[in-house]
């Protein structure tokens, strides 16, 4: 009788362990977000014109995780940037469709420069206004599809260094190489992409880490893979062509390398943008290389994907991980122009360039200062963080510098941490106060760099507070 009781106890214990280890659920899905031809690809500063051709389709790629107590979603969109209003519209639809609360959804943009900037009011092109609504709906569709694909899962992560494609693009240069900013000031110390002459040293570090979050089905089949890398974008486009850049090509390559033939639902592979506001892939210390359109982004995407594929078998996956998520909204002052700058802007303002011509750089920034003068004095910024076991995922709504991302990793309470930028908003560049003093493109006041000088330390501190809160959860 004792033996029978022992067997029953052991059987029940084994069953409880199996249930506990199978508690984690995951689902993933994609949704096509390619715009109509004719949609404006213009940015706040860039003058790219309309979309005339689709080189490759754009997607929103979603992962939903559920540990039985917390359900959350991570979505990465092939987009240059997306305004908070569009993100909020997508989250409202998600909540209506699935009861997933808005504060359990992180949505980000990759920052490919061959997509629309989804910023309401940036252009009067009606196709762009239509695209804003379309994009919100399609993001929500990706999440709903992922929820419908939820299945028992296990998660693991690892990382590797890939220094070849991360170079700080802000340099201290010889004084005679400082050409001045658009407002006529010539006392700056730093220049973005200054060429190959007069270089002194980079104005900041880089983060070479490729972080890899792997999600598998309970039986070990690949379900989703989320990578994170800290380079701005690769580029090499043809004018007017829509493209997801290397972010989309990485996803395609991982899909080809890991997908099991006939698998349904299919593997979803994602590349998110890390902290790359001052980083690109150009090595200014070497002679300039020439590439045919589209070639380099494919080379970079395949090189990183192949390294991730080699790393993949080493990742240990677990099914009993705790999930948690937290967010906080902050108010920031806008760097609105003072009276002298505003008068300068009015003198230089041009409503639209002549047919076939572009605005000059001073004319662009005159328009930007006038736009900032119409902004409210403060705007809200949303910061989120996620816990997956002993992994912390931070988010920043800005184009965040590498030094900020490295500081978050160094001080995070989690064993592993990475940051997804341009998440839940498009707050412009996020230079540190010291970088602001040095000057350069990323610091020039415009809708692309509008937050108060002290925004970076406040956002960084808030991210760390959220990570510490989740770690104690």
Protein backbone atom coordinates (compact mmCIF):
# COMPACT_ATOMS: atom_id res chain seq x y z
CA UNK A 1 0.00 0.00 0.00
CA UNK A 2 2.87 2.38 0.87
CA UNK A 3 4.48 1.56 -2.46
CA UNK A 4 1.23 2.38 -4.31
CA UNK A 5 0.90 5.69 -2.43
CA UNK A 6 4.52 6.52 -3.24
CA UNK A 7 3.93 5.80 -6.92
CA UNK A 8 0.81 8.00 -6.91
CA UNK A 9 2.65 10.82 -5.15
CA UNK A 10 5.54 10.61 -7.62
CA UNK A 11 3.15 10.51 -10.56
CA UNK A 12 1.21 13.54 -9.30
CA UNK A 13 4.47 15.42 -8.63
CA UNK A 14 5.70 14.61 -12.13
CA UNK A 15 2.40 15.77 -13.62
CA UNK A 16 2.51 19.04 -11.66
CA UNK A 17 6.08 19.69 -12.84
CA UNK A 18 5.05 19.07 -16.44
CA UNK A 19 2.12 21.48 -16.11
CA UNK A 20 4.35 24.10 -14.49
CA UNK A 21 7.04 23.80 -17.16
CA UNK A 22 4.46 23.94 -19.94
CA UNK A 23 2.77 27.06 -18.53
CA UNK A 24 4.57 29.41 -20.89
CA UNK A 25 2.69 30.13 -24.12
CA UNK A 26 3.94 31.99 -27.18
CA UNK A 27 2.54 32.95 -30.55
CA UNK A 28 3.94 34.96 -33.45
CA UNK A 29 2.64 36.41 -36.69
CA UNK A 30 3.29 39.04 -39.36
CA UNK A 31 1.10 41.58 -41.09
CA UNK A 32 1.87 43.36 -44.38
CA UNK A 33 2.17 47.15 -43.92
CA UNK A 34 3.40 48.15 -47.40
CA UNK A 35 2.08 51.61 -48.43
CA UNK A 36 0.39 52.58 -51.68
CA UNK A 37 2.59 54.00 -54.42
CA UNK A 38 2.47 57.77 -54.24
CA UNK A 39 2.68 57.83 -50.44
CA UNK A 40 5.25 60.43 -49.40
CA UNK A 41 8.60 59.13 -48.15
CA UNK A 42 9.67 62.60 -47.04
CA UNK A 43 11.02 63.03 -43.55
CA UNK A 44 11.36 65.93 -41.17
CA UNK A 45 14.73 66.78 -42.71
CA UNK A 46 14.98 64.52 -45.78
CA UNK A 47 13.21 65.31 -49.03
CA UNK A 48 12.76 61.86 -50.54
CA UNK A 49 9.66 62.38 -52.65
CA UNK A 50 6.86 59.84 -53.19
CA UNK A 51 7.02 56.04 -53.30
CA UNK A 52 7.33 55.03 -56.95
CA UNK A 53 8.22 51.33 -56.62
CA UNK A 54 8.19 48.54 -54.03
CA UNK A 55 11.58 46.86 -53.77
CA UNK A 56 10.44 44.61 -50.93
CA UNK A 57 7.31 44.44 -48.81
CA UNK A 58 7.09 45.96 -45.34
CA UNK A 59 5.77 44.05 -42.33
CA UNK A 60 4.73 44.38 -38.71
CA UNK A 61 6.15 41.35 -36.90
CA UNK A 62 4.63 40.38 -33.55
CA UNK A 63 5.44 38.03 -30.69
CA UNK A 64 2.95 37.43 -27.87
CA UNK A 65 4.08 35.75 -24.63
CA UNK A 66 1.92 34.46 -21.76
CA UNK A 67 3.09 32.86 -18.49
CA UNK A 68 -0.43 32.34 -17.12
CA UNK A 69 -0.29 35.53 -15.05
CA UNK A 70 0.98 38.08 -17.58
CA UNK A 71 0.38 38.35 -21.30
CA UNK A 72 2.43 40.83 -23.33
CA UNK A 73 3.22 41.64 -26.95
CA UNK A 74 6.32 42.91 -28.75
CA UNK A 75 5.83 44.28 -32.27
CA UNK A 76 8.52 45.55 -34.64
CA UNK A 77 7.46 47.49 -37.74
CA UNK A 78 9.37 48.13 -40.95
CA UNK A 79 9.06 51.89 -40.64
CA UNK A 80 11.37 54.87 -40.31
CA UNK A 81 9.42 56.12 -37.32
CA UNK A 82 5.85 56.12 -36.04
CA UNK A 83 4.15 58.82 -33.98
CA UNK A 84 2.77 58.13 -30.52
CA UNK A 85 -0.77 58.80 -31.80
CA UNK A 86 -0.51 55.98 -34.34
CA UNK A 87 0.93 53.59 -31.77
CA UNK A 88 -1.87 54.48 -29.36
CA UNK A 89 -4.48 53.90 -32.07
CA UNK A 90 -3.00 50.45 -32.73
CA UNK A 91 -3.02 49.62 -29.02
CA UNK A 92 -6.64 50.72 -28.67
CA UNK A 93 -7.62 48.32 -31.47
CA UNK A 94 -5.57 45.53 -29.87
CA UNK A 95 -7.33 46.02 -26.54
CA UNK A 96 -10.73 46.02 -28.22
CA UNK A 97 -9.98 42.91 -30.27
CA UNK A 98 -8.21 40.82 -27.66
CA UNK A 99 -8.56 42.41 -24.18
CA UNK A 100 -4.75 42.76 -24.10
CA UNK A 101 -4.16 45.99 -22.13
CA UNK A 102 -2.29 48.80 -23.89
CA UNK A 103 0.34 48.82 -21.15
CA UNK A 104 1.27 45.25 -22.08
CA UNK A 105 2.12 46.12 -25.70
CA UNK A 106 5.51 47.39 -26.92
CA UNK A 107 5.58 48.54 -30.55
CA UNK A 108 8.67 49.90 -32.31
CA UNK A 109 9.97 51.04 -35.70
CA UNK A 110 13.13 49.69 -37.33
CA UNK A 111 14.23 53.01 -38.86
CA UNK A 112 14.62 51.89 -42.45
CA UNK A 113 14.92 55.13 -44.42
CA UNK A 114 13.00 53.75 -47.41
CA UNK A 115 9.54 53.81 -45.79
CA UNK A 116 7.00 56.51 -44.92
CA UNK A 117 7.58 58.54 -41.78
CA UNK A 118 4.24 57.93 -40.10
CA UNK A 119 3.96 61.32 -38.44
CA UNK A 120 0.52 62.98 -38.63
CA UNK A 121 0.75 66.51 -39.97
CA UNK A 122 4.14 66.01 -41.65
CA UNK A 123 2.61 66.10 -45.13
CA UNK A 124 -0.74 67.03 -46.64
CA UNK A 125 -0.63 63.98 -48.93
CA UNK A 126 -3.98 62.21 -48.34
CA UNK A 127 -2.31 58.85 -48.95
CA UNK A 128 -0.20 59.39 -45.84
CA UNK A 129 -3.28 60.16 -43.72
CA UNK A 130 -4.86 56.96 -45.02
CA UNK A 131 -1.65 55.06 -44.28
CA UNK A 132 -1.69 56.13 -40.64
CA UNK A 133 -5.06 54.45 -40.13
CA UNK A 134 -4.07 51.43 -42.23
CA UNK A 135 -0.83 50.97 -40.27
CA UNK A 136 -2.56 51.07 -36.87
CA UNK A 137 -5.05 48.45 -38.00
CA UNK A 138 -2.42 46.16 -39.51
CA UNK A 139 -0.25 46.32 -36.38
CA UNK A 140 -3.28 45.25 -34.37
CA UNK A 141 -3.94 42.43 -36.85
CA UNK A 142 -0.40 41.09 -36.33
CA UNK A 143 -0.98 40.92 -32.56
CA UNK A 144 -4.39 39.30 -32.92
CA UNK A 145 -2.96 36.69 -35.27
CA UNK A 146 -0.11 36.01 -32.83
CA UNK A 147 -2.61 35.52 -29.99
CA UNK A 148 -4.51 32.99 -32.08
CA UNK A 149 -1.22 31.12 -32.60
CA UNK A 150 -0.46 30.80 -28.87
CA UNK A 151 0.98 27.40 -28.01
CA UNK A 152 3.20 25.85 -25.30
CA UNK A 153 6.66 27.30 -25.70
CA UNK A 154 10.13 27.74 -24.30
CA UNK A 155 12.47 30.73 -24.46
CA UNK A 156 16.21 31.26 -24.44
CA UNK A 157 18.69 33.97 -25.34
CA UNK A 158 22.33 34.59 -26.14
CA UNK A 159 24.44 37.23 -27.82
CA UNK A 160 27.48 37.74 -30.01
CA UNK A 161 29.62 40.70 -30.98
CA UNK A 162 29.50 42.04 -34.52
CA UNK A 163 31.76 45.13 -34.57
CA UNK A 164 32.04 45.36 -38.37
CA UNK A 165 28.88 47.42 -38.85
CA UNK A 166 28.85 49.75 -35.85
CA UNK A 167 30.83 52.99 -36.20
CA UNK A 168 30.13 56.18 -34.32
CA UNK A 169 29.16 58.73 -36.98
CA UNK A 170 29.80 61.78 -34.78
CA UNK A 171 33.44 62.91 -34.85
CA UNK A 172 35.62 65.57 -33.33
CA UNK A 173 37.28 67.15 -36.35
CA UNK A 174 39.87 69.81 -37.05
CA UNK A 175 38.40 73.33 -36.59
CA UNK A 176 38.67 74.15 -40.30
CA UNK A 177 36.39 71.17 -41.08
CA UNK A 178 33.52 72.57 -39.00
CA UNK A 179 31.31 74.22 -41.60
CA UNK A 180 28.81 75.59 -39.12
CA UNK A 181 25.22 74.69 -38.38
CA UNK A 182 22.21 75.85 -40.41
CA UNK A 183 21.77 78.87 -38.12
CA UNK A 184 25.24 80.26 -38.85
CA UNK A 185 26.97 79.18 -35.60
CA UNK A 186 30.56 77.95 -36.08
CA UNK A 187 31.56 77.06 -32.52
CA UNK A 188 30.55 73.39 -32.63
CA UNK A 189 33.08 70.68 -31.81
CA UNK A 190 31.47 67.63 -33.43
CA UNK A 191 30.30 66.85 -36.95
CA UNK A 192 28.14 63.99 -38.21
CA UNK A 193 29.57 61.95 -41.10
CA UNK A 194 32.38 64.47 -41.61
CA UNK A 195 34.17 62.74 -44.47
CA UNK A 196 37.65 61.31 -44.21
CA UNK A 197 39.80 64.42 -43.68
CA UNK A 198 40.53 66.24 -40.46
CA UNK A 199 39.29 63.44 -38.22
CA UNK A 200 40.41 63.52 -34.57
CA UNK A 201 38.34 60.88 -32.76
CA UNK A 202 34.76 59.61 -32.46
CA UNK A 203 32.53 61.55 -30.09
CA UNK A 204 31.16 58.43 -28.41
CA UNK A 205 31.35 54.63 -28.11
CA UNK A 206 29.50 51.93 -30.02
CA UNK A 207 27.76 48.75 -28.87
CA UNK A 208 28.70 45.77 -31.09
CA UNK A 209 26.35 43.26 -29.42
CA UNK A 210 23.80 41.33 -31.45
CA UNK A 211 21.26 40.10 -28.92
CA UNK A 212 19.16 37.07 -29.83
CA UNK A 213 15.90 36.09 -28.13
CA UNK A 214 14.74 32.67 -29.32
CA UNK A 215 11.23 31.29 -28.87
CA UNK A 216 10.60 27.62 -29.59
CA UNK A 217 7.60 25.34 -29.49
CA UNK A 218 7.60 22.91 -26.56
CA UNK A 219 8.99 20.21 -28.87
CA UNK A 220 11.95 22.39 -29.94
CA UNK A 221 10.67 23.64 -33.29
CA UNK A 222 11.54 27.32 -33.89
CA UNK A 223 8.55 29.59 -33.28
CA UNK A 224 10.08 33.08 -33.36
CA UNK A 225 13.44 34.83 -33.17
CA UNK A 226 13.92 38.45 -32.10
CA UNK A 227 17.35 39.95 -32.72
CA UNK A 228 18.56 43.40 -31.70
CA UNK A 229 21.50 45.29 -33.22
CA UNK A 230 22.83 48.80 -32.75
CA UNK A 231 23.32 50.28 -36.22
CA UNK A 232 21.22 53.07 -37.70
CA UNK A 233 20.33 51.35 -40.99
CA UNK A 234 22.37 50.25 -44.03
CA UNK A 235 20.81 52.03 -47.00
CA UNK A 236 21.97 51.91 -50.59
CA UNK A 237 18.46 52.39 -51.98
CA UNK A 238 17.16 53.64 -55.29
CA UNK A 239 15.16 56.85 -54.97
CA UNK A 240 11.46 56.28 -54.53
CA UNK A 241 11.75 52.57 -53.82
CA UNK A 242 10.17 51.21 -50.64
CA UNK A 243 12.30 48.76 -48.64
CA UNK A 244 12.59 47.26 -45.16
CA UNK A 245 16.41 47.61 -45.44
CA UNK A 246 18.61 44.99 -43.79
CA UNK A 247 16.02 44.47 -41.06
CA UNK A 248 13.67 42.75 -43.50
CA UNK A 249 16.45 40.87 -45.29
CA UNK A 250 17.73 39.54 -41.95
CA UNK A 251 14.24 38.21 -41.20
CA UNK A 252 14.06 36.52 -44.61
CA UNK A 253 17.49 34.94 -44.16
CA UNK A 254 16.75 33.59 -40.66
CA UNK A 255 13.45 32.24 -41.94
CA UNK A 256 15.30 30.36 -44.69
CA UNK A 257 17.94 29.02 -42.28
CA UNK A 258 15.68 27.91 -39.40
CA UNK A 259 12.25 27.28 -40.90
CA UNK A 260 11.11 23.65 -40.89
CA UNK A 261 9.55 22.78 -44.24
CA UNK A 262 5.77 22.75 -44.07
CA UNK A 263 5.74 24.28 -40.57
CA UNK A 264 2.52 26.01 -39.64
CA UNK A 265 2.22 28.59 -38.30
CA UNK A 266 5.49 29.71 -39.89
CA UNK A 267 8.54 30.91 -37.99
CA UNK A 268 8.58 34.68 -37.44
CA UNK A 269 12.04 36.28 -37.49
CA UNK A 270 12.57 39.88 -36.41
CA UNK A 271 15.42 42.39 -36.27
CA UNK A 272 14.81 45.35 -33.96
CA UNK A 273 16.88 48.51 -33.77
CA UNK A 274 18.96 48.94 -30.62
CA UNK A 275 20.65 52.17 -29.51
CA UNK A 276 21.98 53.55 -32.78
CA UNK A 277 21.16 57.26 -32.81
CA UNK A 278 24.82 58.15 -33.34
CA UNK A 279 25.94 54.95 -35.09
CA UNK A 280 26.07 53.73 -38.67
CA UNK A 281 28.04 51.18 -40.69
CA UNK A 282 30.51 53.58 -42.35
CA UNK A 283 34.16 53.22 -41.36
CA UNK A 284 35.52 56.70 -42.03
CA UNK A 285 39.09 55.60 -41.25
CA UNK A 286 39.19 53.49 -44.43
CA UNK A 287 38.81 54.45 -48.11
CA UNK A 288 35.23 54.76 -49.30
CA UNK A 289 33.77 51.59 -50.82
CA UNK A 290 31.25 51.69 -53.64
CA UNK A 291 28.30 49.31 -53.74
CA UNK A 292 25.57 48.74 -56.25
CA UNK A 293 22.08 49.63 -54.98
CA UNK A 294 20.74 47.07 -52.49
CA UNK A 295 23.97 45.01 -52.42
CA UNK A 296 25.44 46.08 -49.11
CA UNK A 297 22.27 45.72 -47.08
CA UNK A 298 21.95 42.14 -48.33
CA UNK A 299 25.58 41.41 -47.43
CA UNK A 300 25.16 42.83 -43.92
CA UNK A 301 21.83 41.07 -43.34
CA UNK A 302 23.16 37.68 -44.44
CA UNK A 303 26.43 38.07 -42.53
CA UNK A 304 24.62 38.81 -39.24
CA UNK A 305 21.96 36.16 -39.86
CA UNK A 306 24.57 33.50 -40.60
CA UNK A 307 26.37 34.30 -37.34
CA UNK A 308 23.06 34.14 -35.44
CA UNK A 309 22.37 30.78 -37.08
CA UNK A 310 25.72 29.46 -35.85
CA UNK A 311 24.93 30.74 -32.34
CA UNK A 312 21.42 29.30 -32.31
CA UNK A 313 22.25 25.68 -31.27
CA UNK A 314 24.04 27.00 -28.17
CA UNK A 315 20.94 28.72 -26.76
CA UNK A 316 19.38 27.02 -23.74
CA UNK A 317 15.60 27.26 -23.67
CA UNK A 318 13.33 27.22 -20.61
CA UNK A 319 9.57 26.95 -20.18
CA UNK A 320 9.17 28.21 -16.62
CA UNK A 321 10.07 31.88 -16.96
CA UNK A 322 8.37 34.79 -15.22
CA UNK A 323 6.98 37.58 -17.40
CA UNK A 324 6.35 41.14 -16.25
CA UNK A 325 6.00 44.57 -17.84
CA UNK A 326 5.96 48.15 -16.59
CA UNK A 327 5.71 51.60 -18.11
CA UNK A 328 5.88 55.24 -17.12
CA UNK A 329 4.93 58.45 -18.90
CA UNK A 330 7.19 61.50 -18.62
CA UNK A 331 6.63 65.11 -19.62
CA UNK A 332 9.42 66.93 -21.45
CA UNK A 333 9.85 70.54 -22.44
CA UNK A 334 10.16 71.30 -26.15
CA UNK A 335 13.25 73.20 -27.33
CA UNK A 336 11.22 75.98 -28.90
CA UNK A 337 13.06 78.80 -30.66
CA UNK A 338 13.68 82.09 -28.88
CA UNK A 339 12.89 85.43 -30.50
CA UNK A 340 16.18 85.83 -32.47
CA UNK A 341 15.98 82.30 -33.90
CA UNK A 342 12.30 82.72 -34.69
CA UNK A 343 13.02 85.95 -36.59
CA UNK A 344 15.82 84.16 -38.45
CA UNK A 345 13.40 81.38 -39.34
CA UNK A 346 10.80 83.81 -40.69
CA UNK A 347 13.42 85.46 -42.88
CA UNK A 348 14.57 82.14 -44.32
CA UNK A 349 11.26 80.31 -44.55
CA UNK A 350 10.17 78.92 -47.91
CA UNK A 351 6.77 77.25 -48.01
CA UNK A 352 7.67 74.83 -50.82
CA UNK A 353 10.62 74.48 -53.20
CA UNK A 354 10.30 75.25 -56.89
CA UNK A 355 9.36 72.23 -59.05
CA UNK A 356 12.31 69.88 -59.36
CA UNK A 357 14.29 71.61 -56.60
CA UNK A 358 14.87 71.00 -52.92
CA UNK A 359 14.99 73.35 -49.96
CA UNK A 360 18.44 74.40 -48.81
CA UNK A 361 19.59 73.30 -45.38
CA UNK A 362 18.88 76.71 -43.77
CA UNK A 363 15.45 76.74 -45.41
CA UNK A 364 14.70 73.26 -44.02
CA UNK A 365 15.66 74.32 -40.50
CA UNK A 366 13.75 77.58 -40.81
CA UNK A 367 10.65 75.51 -41.53
CA UNK A 368 11.51 73.23 -38.57
CA UNK A 369 11.87 76.11 -36.11
CA UNK A 370 8.53 77.52 -37.20
CA UNK A 371 6.98 74.08 -36.71
CA UNK A 372 8.49 73.84 -33.20
CA UNK A 373 7.15 77.29 -32.34
CA UNK A 374 3.64 75.89 -32.83
CA UNK A 375 4.23 72.90 -30.54
CA UNK A 376 2.87 72.77 -26.99
CA UNK A 377 5.42 73.68 -24.32
CA UNK A 378 5.59 70.02 -23.18
CA UNK A 379 4.88 66.63 -24.70
CA UNK A 380 4.40 63.22 -23.02
CA UNK A 381 6.92 60.46 -23.65
CA UNK A 382 6.25 56.79 -22.84
CA UNK A 383 8.96 54.48 -21.51
CA UNK A 384 8.46 50.73 -21.06
CA UNK A 385 10.43 47.73 -19.79
CA UNK A 386 9.85 43.99 -19.96
CA UNK A 387 11.07 41.09 -17.85
CA UNK A 388 11.47 37.60 -19.29
CA UNK A 389 13.08 35.50 -16.56
CA UNK A 390 16.48 37.08 -15.92
CA UNK A 391 16.37 39.09 -19.15
CA UNK A 392 15.43 42.76 -19.18
CA UNK A 393 14.20 44.53 -22.30
CA UNK A 394 14.15 48.32 -22.18
CA UNK A 395 12.46 50.65 -24.64
CA UNK A 396 13.16 54.21 -25.69
CA UNK A 397 10.87 56.34 -27.86
CA UNK A 398 13.87 58.18 -29.32
CA UNK A 399 16.86 57.67 -31.59
CA UNK A 400 19.04 56.77 -28.64
CA UNK A 401 22.82 57.05 -28.53
CA UNK A 402 25.04 54.02 -27.96
CA UNK A 403 26.45 55.42 -24.73
CA UNK A 404 22.95 55.49 -23.25
CA UNK A 405 22.32 51.87 -24.20
CA UNK A 406 25.66 50.80 -22.76
CA UNK A 407 24.95 52.66 -19.49
CA UNK A 408 21.58 50.90 -19.19
CA UNK A 409 23.22 47.50 -19.71
CA UNK A 410 25.92 48.27 -17.16
CA UNK A 411 23.49 49.32 -14.42
CA UNK A 412 20.62 46.94 -15.16
CA UNK A 413 19.80 44.49 -12.35
CA UNK A 414 19.25 41.73 -14.91
CA UNK A 415 21.96 39.37 -16.09
CA UNK A 416 21.18 40.32 -19.69
CA UNK A 417 19.58 43.51 -21.02
CA UNK A 418 19.03 45.19 -24.36
CA UNK A 419 17.13 48.29 -25.51
CA UNK A 420 14.71 48.68 -28.40
CA UNK A 421 14.64 52.27 -29.67
CA UNK A 422 11.90 54.22 -31.46
CA UNK A 423 9.34 52.34 -29.37
CA UNK A 424 5.91 53.78 -28.55
CA UNK A 425 6.72 57.14 -30.10
CA UNK A 426 9.02 59.24 -32.27
CA UNK A 427 10.73 61.56 -29.80
CA UNK A 428 13.65 62.50 -32.05
CA UNK A 429 17.32 62.19 -31.24
CA UNK A 430 18.35 61.74 -27.61
CA UNK A 431 21.83 63.26 -27.15
CA UNK A 432 23.29 63.45 -23.67
CA UNK A 433 23.74 66.96 -22.22
CA UNK A 434 27.44 66.74 -23.09
CA UNK A 435 26.67 65.79 -26.69
CA UNK A 436 24.36 68.80 -26.84
CA UNK A 437 27.28 71.02 -25.80
CA UNK A 438 29.47 69.57 -28.56
CA UNK A 439 26.80 70.22 -31.18
CA UNK A 440 26.32 68.50 -34.52
CA UNK A 441 23.32 67.44 -36.60
CA UNK A 442 21.63 65.32 -33.93
CA UNK A 443 21.48 68.33 -31.58
CA UNK A 444 20.08 70.94 -33.99
CA UNK A 445 16.55 71.93 -32.89
CA UNK A 446 13.94 70.51 -35.23
CA UNK A 447 11.09 68.03 -35.09
CA UNK A 448 13.87 65.44 -35.35
CA UNK A 449 15.57 66.76 -32.19
CA UNK A 450 12.99 68.51 -30.06
CA UNK A 451 13.27 67.34 -26.45
CA UNK A 452 14.86 69.36 -23.68
CA UNK A 453 18.62 69.02 -23.14
CA UNK A 454 18.10 67.05 -19.90
CA UNK A 455 15.83 64.45 -21.52
CA UNK A 456 18.48 61.74 -21.83
CA UNK A 457 19.42 61.42 -18.13
CA UNK A 458 15.73 61.47 -17.20
CA UNK A 459 14.80 58.76 -19.68
CA UNK A 460 17.82 56.64 -18.74
CA UNK A 461 17.02 56.93 -15.03
CA UNK A 462 13.38 56.01 -15.64
CA UNK A 463 14.34 52.95 -17.66
CA UNK A 464 16.60 51.78 -14.85
CA UNK A 465 13.84 52.38 -12.27
CA UNK A 466 11.47 50.25 -14.32
CA UNK A 467 14.03 47.47 -14.72
CA UNK A 468 14.70 47.47 -10.98
CA UNK A 469 10.96 47.38 -10.30
CA UNK A 470 10.54 44.36 -12.59
CA UNK A 471 13.57 42.60 -11.13
CA UNK A 472 11.98 42.81 -7.68
CA UNK A 473 8.67 41.50 -9.05
